[in-house]
């Protein structure tokens, strides 16, 4: 079974993501997160592009947004979406869903 790359607490998120060839781990307090956004996305699967979704987390601790895509995180995707939406609502973080 695939490991979850986003772990939730009431006021904190632990995010694991690819940064070059390494796996970076960052603890994000609710005050560090500026925006959580869900978007449609075209992702490459084998030799063609398929419709997908992506999650972008904009934070003051990283220069670029932290991005997760549906094909790479399929095992935990629905839990990520519901958990991040609830986290943003509970901690008054800007939340945008373009789905």
PDB file of N, CA and C in Angstrom:
ATOM      1  N   UNK A   1       0.829  -1.173   0.000  1.00  0.00           N
ATOM      2  CA  UNK A   1       0.000   0.000   0.000  1.00  0.00           C
ATOM      3  C   UNK A   1       0.881   1.246   0.000  1.00  0.00           C
ATOM      4  N   UNK A   2       0.488   2.242  -0.737  1.00  0.00           N
ATOM      5  CA  UNK A   2       1.242   3.491  -0.849  1.00  0.00           C
ATOM      6  C   UNK A   2       1.146   4.291   0.446  1.00  0.00           C
ATOM      7  N   UNK A   3       2.233   4.990   0.762  1.00  0.00           N
ATOM      8  CA  UNK A   3       2.242   5.837   1.953  1.00  0.00           C
ATOM      9  C   UNK A   3       1.577   7.161   1.668  1.00  0.00           C
ATOM     10  N   UNK A   4       0.911   7.686   2.661  1.00  0.00           N
ATOM     11  CA  UNK A   4       0.291   9.009   2.544  1.00  0.00           C
ATOM     12  C   UNK A   4       1.387  10.069   2.623  1.00  0.00           C
ATOM     13  N   UNK A   5       1.306  11.081   1.760  1.00  0.00           N
ATOM     14  CA  UNK A   5       2.295  12.145   1.743  1.00  0.00           C
ATOM     15  C   UNK A   5       1.803  13.430   2.390  1.00  0.00           C
ATOM     16  N   UNK A   6       0.550  13.449   2.857  1.00  0.00           N
ATOM     17  CA  UNK A   6       0.022  14.583   3.613  1.00  0.00           C
ATOM     18  C   UNK A   6      -0.618  14.034   4.879  1.00  0.00           C
ATOM     19  N   UNK A   7      -0.155  14.518   6.024  1.00  0.00           N
ATOM     20  CA  UNK A   7      -0.713  14.109   7.315  1.00  0.00           C
ATOM     21  C   UNK A   7      -1.311  15.339   7.985  1.00  0.00           C
ATOM     22  N   UNK A   8      -2.491  15.182   8.557  1.00  0.00           N
ATOM     23  CA  UNK A   8      -3.244  16.301   9.119  1.00  0.00           C
ATOM     24  C   UNK A   8      -3.278  16.254  10.636  1.00  0.00           C
ATOM     25  N   UNK A   9      -3.305  17.423  11.240  1.00  0.00           N
ATOM     26  CA  UNK A   9      -3.571  17.629  12.643  1.00  0.00           C
ATOM     27  C   UNK A   9      -4.573  18.779  12.683  1.00  0.00           C
ATOM     28  N   UNK A  10      -4.998  19.223  13.852  1.00  0.00           N
ATOM     29  CA  UNK A  10      -5.957  20.336  13.893  1.00  0.00           C
ATOM     30  C   UNK A  10      -5.372  21.637  13.378  1.00  0.00           C
ATOM     31  N   UNK A  11      -4.111  21.927  13.711  1.00  0.00           N
ATOM     32  CA  UNK A  11      -3.520  23.209  13.332  1.00  0.00           C
ATOM     33  C   UNK A  11      -2.229  23.056  12.535  1.00  0.00           C
ATOM     34  N   UNK A  12      -1.923  21.846  12.067  1.00  0.00           N
ATOM     35  CA  UNK A  12      -0.650  21.619  11.391  1.00  0.00           C
ATOM     36  C   UNK A  12      -0.796  20.542  10.328  1.00  0.00           C
ATOM     37  N   UNK A  13      -0.019  20.683   9.251  1.00  0.00           N
ATOM     38  CA  UNK A  13       0.052  19.685   8.188  1.00  0.00           C
ATOM     39  C   UNK A  13       1.512  19.270   8.047  1.00  0.00           C
ATOM     40  N   UNK A  14       1.756  17.980   7.902  1.00  0.00           N
ATOM     41  CA  UNK A  14       3.079  17.487   7.560  1.00  0.00           C
ATOM     42  C   UNK A  14       3.004  17.062   6.097  1.00  0.00           C
ATOM     43  N   UNK A  15       3.790  17.733   5.254  1.00  0.00           N
ATOM     44  CA  UNK A  15       3.755  17.474   3.813  1.00  0.00           C
ATOM     45  C   UNK A  15       5.088  16.887   3.357  1.00  0.00           C
ATOM     46  N   UNK A  16       5.014  15.774   2.641  1.00  0.00           N
ATOM     47  CA  UNK A  16       6.189  15.153   2.036  1.00  0.00           C
ATOM     48  C   UNK A  16       6.036  15.303   0.527  1.00  0.00           C
ATOM     49  N   UNK A  17       7.056  15.837  -0.135  1.00  0.00           N
ATOM     50  CA  UNK A  17       6.967  16.071  -1.573  1.00  0.00           C
ATOM     51  C   UNK A  17       8.345  15.965  -2.208  1.00  0.00           C
ATOM     52  N   UNK A  18       8.362  15.737  -3.531  1.00  0.00           N
ATOM     53  CA  UNK A  18       9.598  15.639  -4.292  1.00  0.00           C
ATOM     54  C   UNK A  18      10.193  17.020  -4.503  1.00  0.00           C
ATOM     55  N   UNK A  19      11.459  17.137  -4.189  1.00  0.00           N
ATOM     56  CA  UNK A  19      12.196  18.368  -4.446  1.00  0.00           C
ATOM     57  C   UNK A  19      13.482  17.937  -5.152  1.00  0.00           C
ATOM     58  N   UNK A  20      13.425  17.945  -6.485  1.00  0.00           N
ATOM     59  CA  UNK A  20      14.542  17.405  -7.258  1.00  0.00           C
ATOM     60  C   UNK A  20      14.533  15.887  -7.139  1.00  0.00           C
ATOM     61  N   UNK A  21      15.652  15.307  -6.733  1.00  0.00           N
ATOM     62  CA  UNK A  21      15.752  13.859  -6.570  1.00  0.00           C
ATOM     63  C   UNK A  21      15.504  13.404  -5.141  1.00  0.00           C
ATOM     64  N   UNK A  22      15.232  14.342  -4.252  1.00  0.00           N
ATOM     65  CA  UNK A  22      15.056  14.018  -2.838  1.00  0.00           C
ATOM     66  C   UNK A  22      13.615  14.200  -2.412  1.00  0.00           C
ATOM     67  N   UNK A  23      13.269  13.553  -1.323  1.00  0.00           N
ATOM     68  CA  UNK A  23      11.946  13.712  -0.722  1.00  0.00           C
ATOM     69  C   UNK A  23      12.078  14.709   0.431  1.00  0.00           C
ATOM     70  N   UNK A  24      11.401  15.834   0.324  1.00  0.00           N
ATOM     71  CA  UNK A  24      11.451  16.871   1.355  1.00  0.00           C
ATOM     72  C   UNK A  24      10.250  16.707   2.286  1.00  0.00           C
ATOM     73  N   UNK A  25      10.471  16.952   3.564  1.00  0.00           N
ATOM     74  CA  UNK A  25       9.410  16.904   4.567  1.00  0.00           C
ATOM     75  C   UNK A  25       9.354  18.262   5.246  1.00  0.00           C
ATOM     76  N   UNK A  26       8.141  18.833   5.297  1.00  0.00           N
ATOM     77  CA  UNK A  26       7.993  20.153   5.906  1.00  0.00           C
ATOM     78  C   UNK A  26       6.763  20.147   6.822  1.00  0.00           C
ATOM     79  N   UNK A  27       6.919  20.722   8.010  1.00  0.00           N
ATOM     80  CA  UNK A  27       5.802  20.906   8.938  1.00  0.00           C
ATOM     81  C   UNK A  27       5.230  22.291   8.696  1.00  0.00           C
ATOM     82  N   UNK A  28       3.947  22.346   8.372  1.00  0.00           N
ATOM     83  CA  UNK A  28       3.292  23.615   8.065  1.00  0.00           C
ATOM     84  C   UNK A  28       2.236  23.920   9.109  1.00  0.00           C
ATOM     85  N   UNK A  29       2.461  24.965   9.908  1.00  0.00           N
ATOM     86  CA  UNK A  29       1.425  25.445  10.814  1.00  0.00           C
ATOM     87  C   UNK A  29       0.397  26.191   9.987  1.00  0.00           C
ATOM     88  N   UNK A  30      -0.808  26.325  10.498  1.00  0.00           N
ATOM     89  CA  UNK A  30      -1.859  27.010   9.736  1.00  0.00           C
ATOM     90  C   UNK A  30      -1.455  28.427   9.374  1.00  0.00           C
ATOM     91  N   UNK A  31      -0.638  29.076  10.193  1.00  0.00           N
ATOM     92  CA  UNK A  31      -0.216  30.445   9.910  1.00  0.00           C
ATOM     93  C   UNK A  31       0.815  30.517   8.777  1.00  0.00           C
ATOM     94  N   UNK A  32       1.469  29.393   8.433  1.00  0.00           N
ATOM     95  CA  UNK A  32       2.439  29.356   7.344  1.00  0.00           C
ATOM     96  C   UNK A  32       1.777  29.174   5.979  1.00  0.00           C
ATOM     97  N   UNK A  33       0.534  28.713   5.960  1.00  0.00           N
ATOM     98  CA  UNK A  33      -0.152  28.400   4.708  1.00  0.00           C
ATOM     99  C   UNK A  33      -0.952  29.617   4.260  1.00  0.00           C
ATOM    100  N   UNK A  34      -0.715  30.047   3.027  1.00  0.00           N
ATOM    101  CA  UNK A  34      -1.425  31.209   2.501  1.00  0.00           C
ATOM    102  C   UNK A  34      -2.637  30.809   1.665  1.00  0.00           C
ATOM    103  N   UNK A  35      -2.551  29.660   0.943  1.00  0.00           N
ATOM    104  CA  UNK A  35      -3.626  29.297   0.023  1.00  0.00           C
ATOM    105  C   UNK A  35      -3.583  27.805  -0.281  1.00  0.00           C
ATOM    106  N   UNK A  36      -4.769  27.207  -0.390  1.00  0.00           N
ATOM    107  CA  UNK A  36      -4.918  25.832  -0.845  1.00  0.00           C
ATOM    108  C   UNK A  36      -5.844  25.876  -2.046  1.00  0.00           C
ATOM    109  N   UNK A  37      -5.407  25.255  -3.159  1.00  0.00           N
ATOM    110  CA  UNK A  37      -6.185  25.354  -4.394  1.00  0.00           C
ATOM    111  C   UNK A  37      -6.268  23.992  -5.083  1.00  0.00           C
ATOM    112  N   UNK A  38      -7.484  23.654  -5.587  1.00  0.00           N
ATOM    113  CA  UNK A  38      -7.718  22.454  -6.388  1.00  0.00           C
ATOM    114  C   UNK A  38      -7.980  22.890  -7.823  1.00  0.00           C
ATOM    115  N   UNK A  39      -7.332  22.255  -8.798  1.00  0.00           N
ATOM    116  CA  UNK A  39      -7.488  22.616 -10.205  1.00  0.00           C
ATOM    117  C   UNK A  39      -7.565  21.370 -11.083  1.00  0.00           C
ATOM    118  N   UNK A  40      -8.124  21.556 -12.296  1.00  0.00           N
ATOM    119  CA  UNK A  40      -8.031  20.535 -13.334  1.00  0.00           C
ATOM    120  C   UNK A  40      -6.611  20.582 -13.877  1.00  0.00           C
ATOM    121  N   UNK A  41      -6.149  19.454 -14.417  1.00  0.00           N
ATOM    122  CA  UNK A  41      -4.755  19.348 -14.820  1.00  0.00           C
ATOM    123  C   UNK A  41      -4.634  18.261 -15.870  1.00  0.00           C
ATOM    124  N   UNK A  42      -3.786  18.453 -16.870  1.00  0.00           N
ATOM    125  CA  UNK A  42      -3.491  17.395 -17.840  1.00  0.00           C
ATOM    126  C   UNK A  42      -2.183  16.744 -17.438  1.00  0.00           C
ATOM    127  N   UNK A  43      -2.248  15.447 -17.203  1.00  0.00           N
ATOM    128  CA  UNK A  43      -1.088  14.717 -16.725  1.00  0.00           C
ATOM    129  C   UNK A  43      -0.684  13.668 -17.759  1.00  0.00           C
ATOM    130  N   UNK A  44       0.588  13.437 -17.893  1.00  0.00           N
ATOM    131  CA  UNK A  44       1.087  12.467 -18.859  1.00  0.00           C
ATOM    132  C   UNK A  44       1.047  11.069 -18.247  1.00  0.00           C
ATOM    133  N   UNK A  45       0.363  10.157 -18.956  1.00  0.00           N
ATOM    134  CA  UNK A  45       0.292   8.756 -18.553  1.00  0.00           C
ATOM    135  C   UNK A  45       0.727   7.916 -19.750  1.00  0.00           C
ATOM    136  N   UNK A  46       1.802   7.224 -19.594  1.00  0.00           N
ATOM    137  CA  UNK A  46       2.435   6.481 -20.683  1.00  0.00           C
ATOM    138  C   UNK A  46       2.751   7.426 -21.847  1.00  0.00           C
ATOM    139  N   UNK A  47       2.073   7.293 -22.983  1.00  0.00           N
ATOM    140  CA  UNK A  47       2.399   8.129 -24.140  1.00  0.00           C
ATOM    141  C   UNK A  47       1.338   9.167 -24.479  1.00  0.00           C
ATOM    142  N   UNK A  48       0.380   9.353 -23.605  1.00  0.00           N
ATOM    143  CA  UNK A  48      -0.686  10.304 -23.897  1.00  0.00           C
ATOM    144  C   UNK A  48      -0.988  11.147 -22.657  1.00  0.00           C
ATOM    145  N   UNK A  49      -1.713  12.224 -22.880  1.00  0.00           N
ATOM    146  CA  UNK A  49      -2.127  13.073 -21.775  1.00  0.00           C
ATOM    147  C   UNK A  49      -3.544  12.704 -21.369  1.00  0.00           C
ATOM    148  N   UNK A  50      -3.791  12.690 -20.066  1.00  0.00           N
ATOM    149  CA  UNK A  50      -5.124  12.384 -19.543  1.00  0.00           C
ATOM    150  C   UNK A  50      -5.561  13.520 -18.617  1.00  0.00           C
ATOM    151  N   UNK A  51      -6.879  13.712 -18.532  1.00  0.00           N
ATOM    152  CA  UNK A  51      -7.438  14.704 -17.615  1.00  0.00           C
ATOM    153  C   UNK A  51      -7.206  14.227 -16.177  1.00  0.00           C
ATOM    154  N   UNK A  52      -6.797  15.133 -15.340  1.00  0.00           N
ATOM    155  CA  UNK A  52      -6.506  14.800 -13.954  1.00  0.00           C
ATOM    156  C   UNK A  52      -6.834  16.004 -13.082  1.00  0.00           C
ATOM    157  N   UNK A  53      -6.405  15.952 -11.843  1.00  0.00           N
ATOM    158  CA  UNK A  53      -6.583  17.049 -10.893  1.00  0.00           C
ATOM    159  C   UNK A  53      -5.265  17.285 -10.175  1.00  0.00           C
ATOM    160  N   UNK A  54      -5.112  18.500  -9.640  1.00  0.00           N
ATOM    161  CA  UNK A  54      -3.926  18.776  -8.829  1.00  0.00           C
ATOM    162  C   UNK A  54      -4.315  19.612  -7.623  1.00  0.00           C
ATOM    163  N   UNK A  55      -3.527  19.458  -6.575  1.00  0.00           N
ATOM    164  CA  UNK A  55      -3.664  20.239  -5.349  1.00  0.00           C
ATOM    165  C   UNK A  55      -2.408  21.091  -5.236  1.00  0.00           C
ATOM    166  N   UNK A  56      -2.575  22.397  -5.022  1.00  0.00           N
ATOM    167  CA  UNK A  56      -1.452  23.310  -4.823  1.00  0.00           C
ATOM    168  C   UNK A  56      -1.568  23.933  -3.436  1.00  0.00           C
ATOM    169  N   UNK A  57      -0.492  23.849  -2.673  1.00  0.00           N
ATOM    170  CA  UNK A  57      -0.447  24.455  -1.348  1.00  0.00           C
ATOM    171  C   UNK A  57       0.621  25.543  -1.386  1.00  0.00           C
ATOM    172  N   UNK A  58       0.195  26.794  -1.272  1.00  0.00           N
ATOM    173  CA  UNK A  58       1.120  27.929  -1.273  1.00  0.00           C
ATOM    174  C   UNK A  58       1.464  28.252   0.177  1.00  0.00           C
ATOM    175  N   UNK A  59       2.754  28.285   0.467  1.00  0.00           N
ATOM    176  CA  UNK A  59       3.213  28.475   1.833  1.00  0.00           C
ATOM    177  C   UNK A  59       4.407  29.420   1.877  1.00  0.00           C
ATOM    178  N   UNK A  60       4.622  30.006   3.011  1.00  0.00           N
ATOM    179  CA  UNK A  60       5.765  30.903   3.188  1.00  0.00           C
ATOM    180  C   UNK A  60       7.066  30.129   3.395  1.00  0.00           C
ATOM    181  N   UNK A  61       6.997  28.825   3.610  1.00  0.00           N
ATOM    182  CA  UNK A  61       8.191  28.019   3.851  1.00  0.00           C
ATOM    183  C   UNK A  61       8.815  27.458   2.570  1.00  0.00           C
ATOM    184  N   UNK A  62       8.149  27.628   1.426  1.00  0.00           N
ATOM    185  CA  UNK A  62       8.685  27.125   0.162  1.00  0.00           C
ATOM    186  C   UNK A  62       8.579  28.210  -0.898  1.00  0.00           C
ATOM    187  N   UNK A  63       9.560  28.273  -1.793  1.00  0.00           N
ATOM    188  CA  UNK A  63       9.577  29.296  -2.837  1.00  0.00           C
ATOM    189  C   UNK A  63       8.461  29.067  -3.859  1.00  0.00           C
ATOM    190  N   UNK A  64       8.216  27.815  -4.200  1.00  0.00           N
ATOM    191  CA  UNK A  64       7.160  27.462  -5.156  1.00  0.00           C
ATOM    192  C   UNK A  64       6.069  26.698  -4.412  1.00  0.00           C
ATOM    193  N   UNK A  65       4.852  26.686  -4.947  1.00  0.00           N
ATOM    194  CA  UNK A  65       3.782  25.919  -4.280  1.00  0.00           C
ATOM    195  C   UNK A  65       4.105  24.425  -4.238  1.00  0.00           C
ATOM    196  N   UNK A  66       3.622  23.760  -3.221  1.00  0.00           N
ATOM    197  CA  UNK A  66       3.743  22.310  -3.106  1.00  0.00           C
ATOM    198  C   UNK A  66       2.590  21.721  -3.904  1.00  0.00           C
ATOM    199  N   UNK A  67       2.904  20.845  -4.876  1.00  0.00           N
ATOM    200  CA  UNK A  67       1.890  20.336  -5.803  1.00  0.00           C
ATOM    201  C   UNK A  67       1.798  18.821  -5.703  1.00  0.00           C
ATOM    202  N   UNK A  68       0.548  18.334  -5.643  1.00  0.00           N
ATOM    203  CA  UNK A  68       0.253  16.905  -5.681  1.00  0.00           C
ATOM    204  C   UNK A  68      -0.701  16.667  -6.841  1.00  0.00           C
ATOM    205  N   UNK A  69      -0.496  15.580  -7.602  1.00  0.00           N
ATOM    206  CA  UNK A  69      -1.380  15.255  -8.721  1.00  0.00           C
ATOM    207  C   UNK A  69      -2.098  13.933  -8.457  1.00  0.00           C
ATOM    208  N   UNK A  70      -3.261  13.807  -9.074  1.00  0.00           N
ATOM    209  CA  UNK A  70      -4.135  12.666  -8.819  1.00  0.00           C
ATOM    210  C   UNK A  70      -3.503  11.323  -9.195  1.00  0.00           C
ATOM    211  N   UNK A  71      -2.847  11.215 -10.335  1.00  0.00           N
ATOM    212  CA  UNK A  71      -2.290   9.938 -10.756  1.00  0.00           C
ATOM    213  C   UNK A  71      -1.190   9.444  -9.826  1.00  0.00           C
ATOM    214  N   UNK A  72      -0.403  10.348  -9.294  1.00  0.00           N
ATOM    215  CA  UNK A  72       0.696   9.949  -8.401  1.00  0.00           C
ATOM    216  C   UNK A  72       0.225   9.666  -6.979  1.00  0.00           C
ATOM    217  N   UNK A  73      -0.919  10.188  -6.594  1.00  0.00           N
ATOM    218  CA  UNK A  73      -1.439  10.042  -5.231  1.00  0.00           C
ATOM    219  C   UNK A  73      -2.820   9.388  -5.218  1.00  0.00           C
ATOM    220  N   UNK A  74      -3.094   8.519  -6.156  1.00  0.00           N
ATOM    221  CA  UNK A  74      -4.439   7.954  -6.352  1.00  0.00           C
ATOM    222  C   UNK A  74      -4.975   7.237  -5.116  1.00  0.00           C
ATOM    223  N   UNK A  75      -4.135   6.544  -4.382  1.00  0.00           N
ATOM    224  CA  UNK A  75      -4.593   5.760  -3.232  1.00  0.00           C
ATOM    225  C   UNK A  75      -5.182   6.623  -2.120  1.00  0.00           C
ATOM    226  N   UNK A  76      -4.722   7.856  -1.986  1.00  0.00           N
ATOM    227  CA  UNK A  76      -5.153   8.727  -0.887  1.00  0.00           C
ATOM    228  C   UNK A  76      -5.839  10.010  -1.368  1.00  0.00           C
ATOM    229  N   UNK A  77      -6.146  10.113  -2.646  1.00  0.00           N
ATOM    230  CA  UNK A  77      -6.613  11.371  -3.231  1.00  0.00           C
ATOM    231  C   UNK A  77      -7.863  11.940  -2.567  1.00  0.00           C
ATOM    232  N   UNK A  78      -8.885  11.129  -2.395  1.00  0.00           N
ATOM    233  CA  UNK A  78     -10.134  11.635  -1.803  1.00  0.00           C
ATOM    234  C   UNK A  78      -9.926  12.089  -0.358  1.00  0.00           C
ATOM    235  N   UNK A  79      -9.097  11.390   0.384  1.00  0.00           N
ATOM    236  CA  UNK A  79      -8.798  11.784   1.765  1.00  0.00           C
ATOM    237  C   UNK A  79      -8.047  13.118   1.796  1.00  0.00           C
ATOM    238  N   UNK A  80      -7.127  13.320   0.848  1.00  0.00           N
ATOM    239  CA  UNK A  80      -6.418  14.596   0.749  1.00  0.00           C
ATOM    240  C   UNK A  80      -7.391  15.741   0.500  1.00  0.00           C
ATOM    241  N   UNK A  81      -8.292  15.556  -0.454  1.00  0.00           N
ATOM    242  CA  UNK A  81      -9.224  16.621  -0.812  1.00  0.00           C
ATOM    243  C   UNK A  81     -10.148  16.988   0.345  1.00  0.00           C
ATOM    244  N   UNK A  82     -10.742  15.993   0.984  1.00  0.00           N
ATOM    245  CA  UNK A  82     -11.649  16.299   2.094  1.00  0.00           C
ATOM    246  C   UNK A  82     -10.887  16.859   3.291  1.00  0.00           C
ATOM    247  N   UNK A  83      -9.723  16.301   3.567  1.00  0.00           N
ATOM    248  CA  UNK A  83      -8.919  16.771   4.700  1.00  0.00           C
ATOM    249  C   UNK A  83      -8.427  18.192   4.524  1.00  0.00           C
ATOM    250  N   UNK A  84      -7.946  18.533   3.335  1.00  0.00           N
ATOM    251  CA  UNK A  84      -7.459  19.897   3.095  1.00  0.00           C
ATOM    252  C   UNK A  84      -8.593  20.914   3.084  1.00  0.00           C
ATOM    253  N   UNK A  85      -9.744  20.541   2.537  1.00  0.00           N
ATOM    254  CA  UNK A  85     -10.899  21.457   2.541  1.00  0.00           C
ATOM    255  C   UNK A  85     -11.337  21.745   3.976  1.00  0.00           C
ATOM    256  N   UNK A  86     -11.404  20.714   4.813  1.00  0.00           N
ATOM    257  CA  UNK A  86     -11.796  20.889   6.215  1.00  0.00           C
ATOM    258  C   UNK A  86     -10.739  21.694   6.975  1.00  0.00           C
ATOM    259  N   UNK A  87      -9.457  21.406   6.725  1.00  0.00           N
ATOM    260  CA  UNK A  87      -8.371  22.128   7.380  1.00  0.00           C
ATOM    261  C   UNK A  87      -8.432  23.618   7.039  1.00  0.00           C
ATOM    262  N   UNK A  88      -8.656  23.947   5.771  1.00  0.00           N
ATOM    263  CA  UNK A  88      -8.735  25.350   5.351  1.00  0.00           C
ATOM    264  C   UNK A  88      -9.939  26.043   5.983  1.00  0.00           C
ATOM    265  N   UNK A  89     -11.067  25.363   6.027  1.00  0.00           N
ATOM    266  CA  UNK A  89     -12.283  25.946   6.607  1.00  0.00           C
ATOM    267  C   UNK A  89     -12.098  26.174   8.111  1.00  0.00           C
ATOM    268  N   UNK A  90     -11.556  25.205   8.823  1.00  0.00           N
ATOM    269  CA  UNK A  90     -11.396  25.304  10.277  1.00  0.00           C
ATOM    270  C   UNK A  90     -10.364  26.359  10.693  1.00  0.00           C
ATOM    271  N   UNK A  91      -9.357  26.592   9.846  1.00  0.00           N
ATOM    272  CA  UNK A  91      -8.264  27.512  10.195  1.00  0.00           C
ATOM    273  C   UNK A  91      -8.306  28.808   9.397  1.00  0.00           C
ATOM    274  N   UNK A  92      -9.409  29.102   8.735  1.00  0.00           N
ATOM    275  CA  UNK A  92      -9.616  30.311   7.923  1.00  0.00           C
ATOM    276  C   UNK A  92      -8.463  30.602   6.967  1.00  0.00           C
ATOM    277  N   UNK A  93      -8.144  29.608   6.148  1.00  0.00           N
ATOM    278  CA  UNK A  93      -7.128  29.730   5.112  1.00  0.00           C
ATOM    279  C   UNK A  93      -7.844  29.910   3.784  1.00  0.00           C
ATOM    280  N   UNK A  94      -7.280  30.723   2.898  1.00  0.00           N
ATOM    281  CA  UNK A  94      -7.883  30.916   1.577  1.00  0.00           C
ATOM    282  C   UNK A  94      -7.950  29.571   0.858  1.00  0.00           C
ATOM    283  N   UNK A  95      -9.146  29.199   0.420  1.00  0.00           N
ATOM    284  CA  UNK A  95      -9.380  27.921  -0.240  1.00  0.00           C
ATOM    285  C   UNK A  95     -10.109  28.156  -1.553  1.00  0.00           C
ATOM    286  N   UNK A  96      -9.554  27.626  -2.655  1.00  0.00           N
ATOM    287  CA  UNK A  96     -10.149  27.779  -3.980  1.00  0.00           C
ATOM    288  C   UNK A  96     -10.278  26.401  -4.607  1.00  0.00           C
ATOM    289  N   UNK A  97     -11.484  26.057  -5.057  1.00  0.00           N
ATOM    290  CA  UNK A  97     -11.715  24.805  -5.769  1.00  0.00           C
ATOM    291  C   UNK A  97     -12.227  25.119  -7.161  1.00  0.00           C
ATOM    292  N   UNK A  98     -11.406  24.838  -8.175  1.00  0.00           N
ATOM    293  CA  UNK A  98     -11.768  25.058  -9.568  1.00  0.00           C
ATOM    294  C   UNK A  98     -12.167  23.743 -10.235  1.00  0.00           C
ATOM    295  N   UNK A  99     -12.747  22.846  -9.474  1.00  0.00           N
ATOM    296  CA  UNK A  99     -13.150  21.544 -10.021  1.00  0.00           C
ATOM    297  C   UNK A  99     -14.608  21.530 -10.406  1.00  0.00           C
TER     298      UNK A  99
END
